[in-house]
Amino acid sequence: MRKKLTFHGSLSEGGVKYVAQRYAMMLKLTGVSSRGADGTIVAEVQGPEDKIDQFISKMKQGNQFFSVSTVDEEEIPETSEKMFRIG
């Protein structure tokens, strides 16, 4: 399964793309994260649905530097890749 996730909230600080990469690697997910033109963080994550749900849950927790208010989810076609990267 692969999902495109758009994270909204206070995301200007805290290395959110790198936090996403760390969580994805911890959960053995592949994909990419990047900053959207509107200040959102867009992540495409691929792996088992339960692991993607854990990824979303961890990102929603935020940290002292960023917070997530909402997440838009869209299922997209899977691709062939070996790791999670910053785009």
C-alpha atoms as a PDB file:
ATOM      1  CA  MET A   1       0.000   0.000   0.000  1.00  0.00           C
ATOM      2  CA  ARG A   2       1.166   3.545  -0.737  1.00  0.00           C
ATOM      3  CA  LYS A   3      -0.390   6.735   0.582  1.00  0.00           C
ATOM      4  CA  LYS A   4       0.177  10.393  -0.114  1.00  0.00           C
ATOM      5  CA  LEU A   5      -0.095  12.235   3.195  1.00  0.00           C
ATOM      6  CA  THR A   6      -0.353  15.992   3.487  1.00  0.00           C
ATOM      7  CA  PHE A   7       0.391  17.277   6.984  1.00  0.00           C
ATOM      8  CA  HIS A   8      -1.051  20.655   8.008  1.00  0.00           C
ATOM      9  CA  GLY A   9      -0.171  22.633  11.107  1.00  0.00           C
ATOM     10  CA  SER A  10       2.735  24.571  12.570  1.00  0.00           C
ATOM     11  CA  LEU A  11       5.444  22.967  10.452  1.00  0.00           C
ATOM     12  CA  SER A  12       7.961  25.725   9.745  1.00  0.00           C
ATOM     13  CA  GLU A  13      10.552  24.538  12.287  1.00  0.00           C
ATOM     14  CA  GLY A  14      11.799  21.279  13.693  1.00  0.00           C
ATOM     15  CA  GLY A  15      13.134  19.498  10.622  1.00  0.00           C
ATOM     16  CA  VAL A  16       9.765  17.868   9.972  1.00  0.00           C
ATOM     17  CA  LYS A  17      10.926  16.175   6.750  1.00  0.00           C
ATOM     18  CA  TYR A  18      13.813  14.585   8.659  1.00  0.00           C
ATOM     19  CA  VAL A  19      11.549  13.506  11.506  1.00  0.00           C
ATOM     20  CA  ALA A  20       9.292  11.871   8.899  1.00  0.00           C
ATOM     21  CA  GLN A  21      12.308  10.101   7.423  1.00  0.00           C
ATOM     22  CA  ARG A  22      13.404   8.833  10.844  1.00  0.00           C
ATOM     23  CA  TYR A  23       9.928   7.480  11.686  1.00  0.00           C
ATOM     24  CA  ALA A  24       9.568   5.873   8.254  1.00  0.00           C
ATOM     25  CA  MET A  25      12.946   4.172   8.524  1.00  0.00           C
ATOM     26  CA  MET A  26      12.112   2.975  12.051  1.00  0.00           C
ATOM     27  CA  LEU A  27       8.922   1.384  10.683  1.00  0.00           C
ATOM     28  CA  LYS A  28      10.682   0.030   7.555  1.00  0.00           C
ATOM     29  CA  LEU A  29       8.561   2.138   5.203  1.00  0.00           C
ATOM     30  CA  THR A  30       9.794   3.497   1.893  1.00  0.00           C
ATOM     31  CA  GLY A  31       8.866   6.776   0.230  1.00  0.00           C
ATOM     32  CA  VAL A  32       9.704  10.460   0.166  1.00  0.00           C
ATOM     33  CA  SER A  33       8.918  13.627   2.114  1.00  0.00           C
ATOM     34  CA  SER A  34       9.015  17.201   0.871  1.00  0.00           C
ATOM     35  CA  ARG A  35       7.695  20.645   1.720  1.00  0.00           C
ATOM     36  CA  GLY A  36       4.601  21.739  -0.175  1.00  0.00           C
ATOM     37  CA  ALA A  37       4.398  25.222  -1.709  1.00  0.00           C
ATOM     38  CA  ASP A  38       1.775  26.159   0.909  1.00  0.00           C
ATOM     39  CA  GLY A  39       3.988  25.232   3.891  1.00  0.00           C
ATOM     40  CA  THR A  40       2.562  21.757   4.346  1.00  0.00           C
ATOM     41  CA  ILE A  41       4.686  18.624   4.523  1.00  0.00           C
ATOM     42  CA  VAL A  42       3.854  16.054   1.865  1.00  0.00           C
ATOM     43  CA  ALA A  43       4.961  12.471   2.427  1.00  0.00           C
ATOM     44  CA  GLU A  44       4.453   9.455   0.229  1.00  0.00           C
ATOM     45  CA  VAL A  45       4.818   6.338   2.332  1.00  0.00           C
ATOM     46  CA  GLN A  46       4.723   2.725   1.212  1.00  0.00           C
ATOM     47  CA  GLY A  47       4.426  -0.439   3.261  1.00  0.00           C
ATOM     48  CA  PRO A  48       1.904  -2.405   5.302  1.00  0.00           C
ATOM     49  CA  GLU A  49      -1.213  -0.442   6.234  1.00  0.00           C
ATOM     50  CA  ASP A  50      -0.670  -0.895   9.988  1.00  0.00           C
ATOM     51  CA  LYS A  51       2.851   0.556   9.699  1.00  0.00           C
ATOM     52  CA  ILE A  52       1.550   3.531   7.704  1.00  0.00           C
ATOM     53  CA  ASP A  53      -1.066   4.104  10.426  1.00  0.00           C
ATOM     54  CA  GLN A  54       1.725   4.036  13.049  1.00  0.00           C
ATOM     55  CA  PHE A  55       3.691   6.557  10.962  1.00  0.00           C
ATOM     56  CA  ILE A  56       0.690   8.905  10.837  1.00  0.00           C
ATOM     57  CA  SER A  57       0.153   8.545  14.582  1.00  0.00           C
ATOM     58  CA  LYS A  58       3.798   9.367  15.342  1.00  0.00           C
ATOM     59  CA  MET A  59       3.747  12.401  13.060  1.00  0.00           C
ATOM     60  CA  LYS A  60       0.521  13.675  14.695  1.00  0.00           C
ATOM     61  CA  GLN A  61       2.315  13.668  18.057  1.00  0.00           C
ATOM     62  CA  GLY A  62       4.675  16.382  16.798  1.00  0.00           C
ATOM     63  CA  ASN A  63       7.448  17.569  19.097  1.00  0.00           C
ATOM     64  CA  GLN A  64       8.525  20.791  20.804  1.00  0.00           C
ATOM     65  CA  PHE A  65       9.274  22.373  17.395  1.00  0.00           C
ATOM     66  CA  PHE A  66       6.280  21.405  15.231  1.00  0.00           C
ATOM     67  CA  SER A  67       2.658  20.350  15.545  1.00  0.00           C
ATOM     68  CA  VAL A  68       0.258  18.672  13.140  1.00  0.00           C
ATOM     69  CA  SER A  69      -3.363  19.815  13.114  1.00  0.00           C
ATOM     70  CA  THR A  70      -4.766  17.662  10.273  1.00  0.00           C
ATOM     71  CA  VAL A  71      -3.636  15.039   7.791  1.00  0.00           C
ATOM     72  CA  ASP A  72      -5.081  14.517   4.321  1.00  0.00           C
ATOM     73  CA  GLU A  73      -4.706  10.926   3.079  1.00  0.00           C
ATOM     74  CA  GLU A  74      -4.888   9.631  -0.477  1.00  0.00           C
ATOM     75  CA  GLU A  75      -4.131   6.091  -1.615  1.00  0.00           C
ATOM     76  CA  ILE A  76      -1.821   6.143  -4.651  1.00  0.00           C
ATOM     77  CA  PRO A  77      -0.158   3.469  -6.825  1.00  0.00           C
ATOM     78  CA  GLU A  78       2.863   1.687  -5.372  1.00  0.00           C
ATOM     79  CA  THR A  79       6.315   2.242  -6.846  1.00  0.00           C
ATOM     80  CA  SER A  80       9.588   0.346  -6.764  1.00  0.00           C
ATOM     81  CA  GLU A  81      11.996   1.867  -4.253  1.00  0.00           C
ATOM     82  CA  LYS A  82      14.342   0.701  -1.526  1.00  0.00           C
ATOM     83  CA  MET A  83      14.366   3.490   1.052  1.00  0.00           C
ATOM     84  CA  PHE A  84      12.724   6.631   2.388  1.00  0.00           C
ATOM     85  CA  ARG A  85      14.307   9.861   1.195  1.00  0.00           C
ATOM     86  CA  ILE A  86      13.967  13.613   1.508  1.00  0.00           C
ATOM     87  CA  GLY A  87      12.737  15.207  -1.717  1.00  0.00           C
END
